Amino acid sequence: MDISILFRIAAIGIIVTVICQILKKSDRDDIATVVSIVGLLLVLTIVVSMVGDLFGQIREIFDL
């Protein structure tokens, strides 16, 4: 696992948090919820691709 992936996930979290706080202060709670869901989907996409790579490596190791 590369450390840059962790930094990318942390950066997405920080950006989403800042945007959500700004939107909540300006009474846009519905859009803030959508932004947090989009951020969650971005992070889940990264994690799912990492898990897929892990299973690919396991198949390669055991010649499946």
PDB file of N, CA and C in Angstrom:
ATOM      1  N   MET A   1       0.842  -1.179   0.000  1.00  0.00           N
ATOM      2  CA  MET A   1       0.000   0.000   0.000  1.00  0.00           C
ATOM      3  C   MET A   1       0.886   1.241   0.000  1.00  0.00           C
ATOM      4  N   ASP A   2       0.542   2.142  -0.849  1.00  0.00           N
ATOM      5  CA  ASP A   2       1.299   3.374  -0.980  1.00  0.00           C
ATOM      6  C   ASP A   2       0.743   4.420  -0.014  1.00  0.00           C
ATOM      7  N   ILE A   3       1.637   5.190   0.582  1.00  0.00           N
ATOM      8  CA  ILE A   3       1.220   6.192   1.565  1.00  0.00           C
ATOM      9  C   ILE A   3       0.430   7.328   0.909  1.00  0.00           C
ATOM     10  N   SER A   4       0.614   7.527  -0.387  1.00  0.00           N
ATOM     11  CA  SER A   4      -0.099   8.613  -1.070  1.00  0.00           C
ATOM     12  C   SER A   4      -1.605   8.367  -1.097  1.00  0.00           C
ATOM     13  N   ILE A   5      -2.014   7.106  -1.063  1.00  0.00           N
ATOM     14  CA  ILE A   5      -3.449   6.793  -1.037  1.00  0.00           C
ATOM     15  C   ILE A   5      -4.062   7.283   0.269  1.00  0.00           C
ATOM     16  N   LEU A   6      -3.341   7.102   1.367  1.00  0.00           N
ATOM     17  CA  LEU A   6      -3.844   7.599   2.651  1.00  0.00           C
ATOM     18  C   LEU A   6      -3.947   9.121   2.655  1.00  0.00           C
ATOM     19  N   PHE A   7      -2.954   9.783   2.061  1.00  0.00           N
ATOM     20  CA  PHE A   7      -3.009  11.245   1.975  1.00  0.00           C
ATOM     21  C   PHE A   7      -4.171  11.698   1.099  1.00  0.00           C
ATOM     22  N   ARG A   8      -4.438  10.953   0.020  1.00  0.00           N
ATOM     23  CA  ARG A   8      -5.544  11.300  -0.871  1.00  0.00           C
ATOM     24  C   ARG A   8      -6.879  11.166  -0.131  1.00  0.00           C
ATOM     25  N   ILE A   9      -7.047  10.084   0.630  1.00  0.00           N
ATOM     26  CA  ILE A   9      -8.285   9.887   1.386  1.00  0.00           C
ATOM     27  C   ILE A   9      -8.438  10.975   2.455  1.00  0.00           C
ATOM     28  N   ALA A  10      -7.336  11.315   3.125  1.00  0.00           N
ATOM     29  CA  ALA A  10      -7.389  12.375   4.141  1.00  0.00           C
ATOM     30  C   ALA A  10      -7.727  13.724   3.517  1.00  0.00           C
ATOM     31  N   ALA A  11      -7.166  13.998   2.345  1.00  0.00           N
ATOM     32  CA  ALA A  11      -7.452  15.268   1.666  1.00  0.00           C
ATOM     33  C   ALA A  11      -8.920  15.356   1.268  1.00  0.00           C
ATOM     34  N   ILE A  12      -9.472  14.257   0.779  1.00  0.00           N
ATOM     35  CA  ILE A  12     -10.891  14.248   0.429  1.00  0.00           C
ATOM     36  C   ILE A  12     -11.730  14.518   1.671  1.00  0.00           C
ATOM     37  N   GLY A  13     -11.377  13.904   2.790  1.00  0.00           N
ATOM     38  CA  GLY A  13     -12.113  14.117   4.027  1.00  0.00           C
ATOM     39  C   GLY A  13     -12.058  15.556   4.506  1.00  0.00           C
ATOM     40  N   ILE A  14     -10.882  16.150   4.431  1.00  0.00           N
ATOM     41  CA  ILE A  14     -10.727  17.543   4.868  1.00  0.00           C
ATOM     42  C   ILE A  14     -11.514  18.486   3.972  1.00  0.00           C
ATOM     43  N   ILE A  15     -11.425  18.285   2.660  1.00  0.00           N
ATOM     44  CA  ILE A  15     -12.134  19.159   1.716  1.00  0.00           C
ATOM     45  C   ILE A  15     -13.639  19.033   1.906  1.00  0.00           C
ATOM     46  N   VAL A  16     -14.131  17.807   2.047  1.00  0.00           N
ATOM     47  CA  VAL A  16     -15.570  17.606   2.231  1.00  0.00           C
ATOM     48  C   VAL A  16     -16.032  18.240   3.544  1.00  0.00           C
ATOM     49  N   THR A  17     -15.243  18.121   4.584  1.00  0.00           N
ATOM     50  CA  THR A  17     -15.607  18.716   5.871  1.00  0.00           C
ATOM     51  C   THR A  17     -15.698  20.228   5.784  1.00  0.00           C
ATOM     52  N   VAL A  18     -14.720  20.846   5.137  1.00  0.00           N
ATOM     53  CA  VAL A  18     -14.732  22.310   4.999  1.00  0.00           C
ATOM     54  C   VAL A  18     -15.933  22.763   4.178  1.00  0.00           C
ATOM     55  N   ILE A  19     -16.185  22.079   3.063  1.00  0.00           N
ATOM     56  CA  ILE A  19     -17.326  22.463   2.217  1.00  0.00           C
ATOM     57  C   ILE A  19     -18.637  22.287   2.972  1.00  0.00           C
ATOM     58  N   CYS A  20     -18.768  21.192   3.713  1.00  0.00           N
ATOM     59  CA  CYS A  20     -19.999  20.963   4.473  1.00  0.00           C
ATOM     60  C   CYS A  20     -20.204  22.023   5.547  1.00  0.00           C
ATOM     61  N   GLN A  21     -19.132  22.415   6.235  1.00  0.00           N
ATOM     62  CA  GLN A  21     -19.255  23.454   7.253  1.00  0.00           C
ATOM     63  C   GLN A  21     -19.681  24.786   6.639  1.00  0.00           C
ATOM     64  N   ILE A  22     -19.107  25.119   5.494  1.00  0.00           N
ATOM     65  CA  ILE A  22     -19.483  26.368   4.821  1.00  0.00           C
ATOM     66  C   ILE A  22     -20.947  26.327   4.401  1.00  0.00           C
ATOM     67  N   LEU A  23     -21.369  25.175   3.843  1.00  0.00           N
ATOM     68  CA  LEU A  23     -22.760  25.066   3.396  1.00  0.00           C
ATOM     69  C   LEU A  23     -23.733  25.074   4.573  1.00  0.00           C
ATOM     70  N   LYS A  24     -23.367  24.470   5.684  1.00  0.00           N
ATOM     71  CA  LYS A  24     -24.254  24.473   6.844  1.00  0.00           C
ATOM     72  C   LYS A  24     -24.379  25.861   7.449  1.00  0.00           C
ATOM     73  N   LYS A  25     -23.304  26.636   7.421  1.00  0.00           N
ATOM     74  CA  LYS A  25     -23.364  27.999   7.943  1.00  0.00           C
ATOM     75  C   LYS A  25     -24.249  28.891   7.080  1.00  0.00           C
ATOM     76  N   SER A  26     -24.357  28.555   5.789  1.00  0.00           N
ATOM     77  CA  SER A  26     -25.197  29.357   4.901  1.00  0.00           C
ATOM     78  C   SER A  26     -26.569  28.714   4.689  1.00  0.00           C
ATOM     79  N   ASP A  27     -26.988  27.865   5.641  1.00  0.00           N
ATOM     80  CA  ASP A  27     -28.308  27.228   5.649  1.00  0.00           C
ATOM     81  C   ASP A  27     -28.594  26.412   4.390  1.00  0.00           C
ATOM     82  N   ARG A  28     -27.618  25.682   3.926  1.00  0.00           N
ATOM     83  CA  ARG A  28     -27.778  24.778   2.781  1.00  0.00           C
ATOM     84  C   ARG A  28     -27.509  23.345   3.246  1.00  0.00           C
ATOM     85  N   ASP A  29     -28.288  22.889   4.229  1.00  0.00           N
ATOM     86  CA  ASP A  29     -28.061  21.572   4.818  1.00  0.00           C
ATOM     87  C   ASP A  29     -28.277  20.441   3.815  1.00  0.00           C
ATOM     88  N   ASP A  30     -29.240  20.629   2.896  1.00  0.00           N
ATOM     89  CA  ASP A  30     -29.501  19.572   1.924  1.00  0.00           C
ATOM     90  C   ASP A  30     -28.322  19.376   0.974  1.00  0.00           C
ATOM     91  N   ILE A  31     -27.719  20.458   0.540  1.00  0.00           N
ATOM     92  CA  ILE A  31     -26.561  20.353  -0.349  1.00  0.00           C
ATOM     93  C   ILE A  31     -25.350  19.830   0.414  1.00  0.00           C
ATOM     94  N   ALA A  32     -25.232  20.181   1.680  1.00  0.00           N
ATOM     95  CA  ALA A  32     -24.137  19.669   2.503  1.00  0.00           C
ATOM     96  C   ALA A  32     -24.232  18.148   2.651  1.00  0.00           C
ATOM     97  N   THR A  33     -25.448  17.645   2.771  1.00  0.00           N
ATOM     98  CA  THR A  33     -25.639  16.200   2.849  1.00  0.00           C
ATOM     99  C   THR A  33     -25.223  15.522   1.549  1.00  0.00           C
ATOM    100  N   VAL A  34     -25.569  16.123   0.434  1.00  0.00           N
ATOM    101  CA  VAL A  34     -25.192  15.571  -0.871  1.00  0.00           C
ATOM    102  C   VAL A  34     -23.668  15.580  -1.032  1.00  0.00           C
ATOM    103  N   VAL A  35     -23.024  16.643  -0.589  1.00  0.00           N
ATOM    104  CA  VAL A  35     -21.560  16.722  -0.685  1.00  0.00           C
ATOM    105  C   VAL A  35     -20.910  15.648   0.169  1.00  0.00           C
ATOM    106  N   SER A  36     -21.444  15.406   1.372  1.00  0.00           N
ATOM    107  CA  SER A  36     -20.855  14.355   2.204  1.00  0.00           C
ATOM    108  C   SER A  36     -21.075  12.973   1.606  1.00  0.00           C
ATOM    109  N   ILE A  37     -22.196  12.735   0.972  1.00  0.00           N
ATOM    110  CA  ILE A  37     -22.431  11.445   0.322  1.00  0.00           C
ATOM    111  C   ILE A  37     -21.491  11.261  -0.859  1.00  0.00           C
ATOM    112  N   VAL A  38     -21.270  12.311  -1.629  1.00  0.00           N
ATOM    113  CA  VAL A  38     -20.337  12.233  -2.755  1.00  0.00           C
ATOM    114  C   VAL A  38     -18.912  11.960  -2.267  1.00  0.00           C
ATOM    115  N   GLY A  39     -18.522  12.610  -1.186  1.00  0.00           N
ATOM    116  CA  GLY A  39     -17.201  12.356  -0.610  1.00  0.00           C
ATOM    117  C   GLY A  39     -17.065  10.920  -0.138  1.00  0.00           C
ATOM    118  N   LEU A  40     -18.106  10.400   0.484  1.00  0.00           N
ATOM    119  CA  LEU A  40     -18.099   9.012   0.922  1.00  0.00           C
ATOM    120  C   LEU A  40     -17.979   8.064  -0.261  1.00  0.00           C
ATOM    121  N   LEU A  41     -18.689   8.352  -1.338  1.00  0.00           N
ATOM    122  CA  LEU A  41     -18.608   7.511  -2.533  1.00  0.00           C
ATOM    123  C   LEU A  41     -17.219   7.554  -3.164  1.00  0.00           C
ATOM    124  N   LEU A  42     -16.588   8.716  -3.152  1.00  0.00           N
ATOM    125  CA  LEU A  42     -15.222   8.808  -3.679  1.00  0.00           C
ATOM    126  C   LEU A  42     -14.260   7.943  -2.883  1.00  0.00           C
ATOM    127  N   VAL A  43     -14.346   8.023  -1.569  1.00  0.00           N
ATOM    128  CA  VAL A  43     -13.458   7.231  -0.725  1.00  0.00           C
ATOM    129  C   VAL A  43     -13.765   5.740  -0.872  1.00  0.00           C
ATOM    130  N   LEU A  44     -15.039   5.373  -0.945  1.00  0.00           N
ATOM    131  CA  LEU A  44     -15.391   3.971  -1.131  1.00  0.00           C
ATOM    132  C   LEU A  44     -14.890   3.436  -2.465  1.00  0.00           C
ATOM    133  N   THR A  45     -14.896   4.266  -3.499  1.00  0.00           N
ATOM    134  CA  THR A  45     -14.365   3.855  -4.798  1.00  0.00           C
ATOM    135  C   THR A  45     -12.875   3.551  -4.696  1.00  0.00           C
ATOM    136  N   ILE A  46     -12.153   4.383  -3.990  1.00  0.00           N
ATOM    137  CA  ILE A  46     -10.715   4.151  -3.806  1.00  0.00           C
ATOM    138  C   ILE A  46     -10.484   2.861  -3.030  1.00  0.00           C
ATOM    139  N   VAL A  47     -11.249   2.661  -1.962  1.00  0.00           N
ATOM    140  CA  VAL A  47     -11.072   1.474  -1.122  1.00  0.00           C
ATOM    141  C   VAL A  47     -11.455   0.197  -1.882  1.00  0.00           C
ATOM    142  N   VAL A  48     -12.529   0.242  -2.646  1.00  0.00           N
ATOM    143  CA  VAL A  48     -12.949  -0.940  -3.402  1.00  0.00           C
ATOM    144  C   VAL A  48     -11.905  -1.310  -4.448  1.00  0.00           C
ATOM    145  N   SER A  49     -11.309  -0.321  -5.092  1.00  0.00           N
ATOM    146  CA  SER A  49     -10.257  -0.636  -6.064  1.00  0.00           C
ATOM    147  C   SER A  49      -9.042  -1.244  -5.375  1.00  0.00           C
ATOM    148  N   MET A  50      -8.727  -0.785  -4.164  1.00  0.00           N
ATOM    149  CA  MET A  50      -7.614  -1.367  -3.414  1.00  0.00           C
ATOM    150  C   MET A  50      -7.912  -2.810  -3.021  1.00  0.00           C
ATOM    151  N   VAL A  51      -9.142  -3.095  -2.617  1.00  0.00           N
ATOM    152  CA  VAL A  51      -9.523  -4.459  -2.261  1.00  0.00           C
ATOM    153  C   VAL A  51      -9.480  -5.358  -3.503  1.00  0.00           C
ATOM    154  N   GLY A  52      -9.904  -4.841  -4.640  1.00  0.00           N
ATOM    155  CA  GLY A  52      -9.811  -5.601  -5.880  1.00  0.00           C
ATOM    156  C   GLY A  52      -8.376  -5.940  -6.237  1.00  0.00           C
ATOM    157  N   ASP A  53      -7.475  -4.976  -6.051  1.00  0.00           N
ATOM    158  CA  ASP A  53      -6.049  -5.240  -6.283  1.00  0.00           C
ATOM    159  C   ASP A  53      -5.523  -6.296  -5.318  1.00  0.00           C
ATOM    160  N   LEU A  54      -5.984  -6.255  -4.075  1.00  0.00           N
ATOM    161  CA  LEU A  54      -5.564  -7.245  -3.079  1.00  0.00           C
ATOM    162  C   LEU A  54      -5.980  -8.651  -3.503  1.00  0.00           C
ATOM    163  N   PHE A  55      -7.229  -8.808  -3.929  1.00  0.00           N
ATOM    164  CA  PHE A  55      -7.686 -10.123  -4.363  1.00  0.00           C
ATOM    165  C   PHE A  55      -6.951 -10.578  -5.613  1.00  0.00           C
ATOM    166  N   GLY A  56      -6.617  -9.648  -6.509  1.00  0.00           N
ATOM    167  CA  GLY A  56      -5.826  -9.997  -7.680  1.00  0.00           C
ATOM    168  C   GLY A  56      -4.451 -10.515  -7.301  1.00  0.00           C
ATOM    169  N   GLN A  57      -3.833  -9.890  -6.324  1.00  0.00           N
ATOM    170  CA  GLN A  57      -2.524 -10.341  -5.854  1.00  0.00           C
ATOM    171  C   GLN A  57      -2.615 -11.688  -5.163  1.00  0.00           C
ATOM    172  N   ILE A  58      -3.699 -11.929  -4.420  1.00  0.00           N
ATOM    173  CA  ILE A  58      -3.869 -13.223  -3.764  1.00  0.00           C
ATOM    174  C   ILE A  58      -4.048 -14.322  -4.810  1.00  0.00           C
ATOM    175  N   ARG A  59      -4.834 -14.052  -5.857  1.00  0.00           N
ATOM    176  CA  ARG A  59      -4.987 -15.025  -6.933  1.00  0.00           C
ATOM    177  C   ARG A  59      -3.645 -15.321  -7.605  1.00  0.00           C
ATOM    178  N   GLU A  60      -2.865 -14.272  -7.797  1.00  0.00           N
ATOM    179  CA  GLU A  60      -1.563 -14.440  -8.456  1.00  0.00           C
ATOM    180  C   GLU A  60      -0.623 -15.260  -7.581  1.00  0.00           C
ATOM    181  N   ILE A  61      -0.658 -15.045  -6.278  1.00  0.00           N
ATOM    182  CA  ILE A  61       0.241 -15.779  -5.376  1.00  0.00           C
ATOM    183  C   ILE A  61      -0.111 -17.264  -5.354  1.00  0.00           C
ATOM    184  N   PHE A  62      -1.393 -17.587  -5.298  1.00  0.00           N
ATOM    185  CA  PHE A  62      -1.814 -18.985  -5.182  1.00  0.00           C
ATOM    186  C   PHE A  62      -2.138 -19.609  -6.534  1.00  0.00           C
ATOM    187  N   ASP A  63      -1.885 -18.941  -7.627  1.00  0.00           N
ATOM    188  CA  ASP A  63      -2.127 -19.429  -8.993  1.00  0.00           C
ATOM    189  C   ASP A  63      -3.570 -19.926  -9.185  1.00  0.00           C
ATOM    190  N   LEU A  64      -4.521 -19.102  -8.801  1.00  0.00           N
ATOM    191  CA  LEU A  64      -5.932 -19.456  -8.970  1.00  0.00           C
ATOM    192  C   LEU A  64      -6.497 -18.902 -10.240  1.00  0.00           C
TER     193      LEU A  64
END
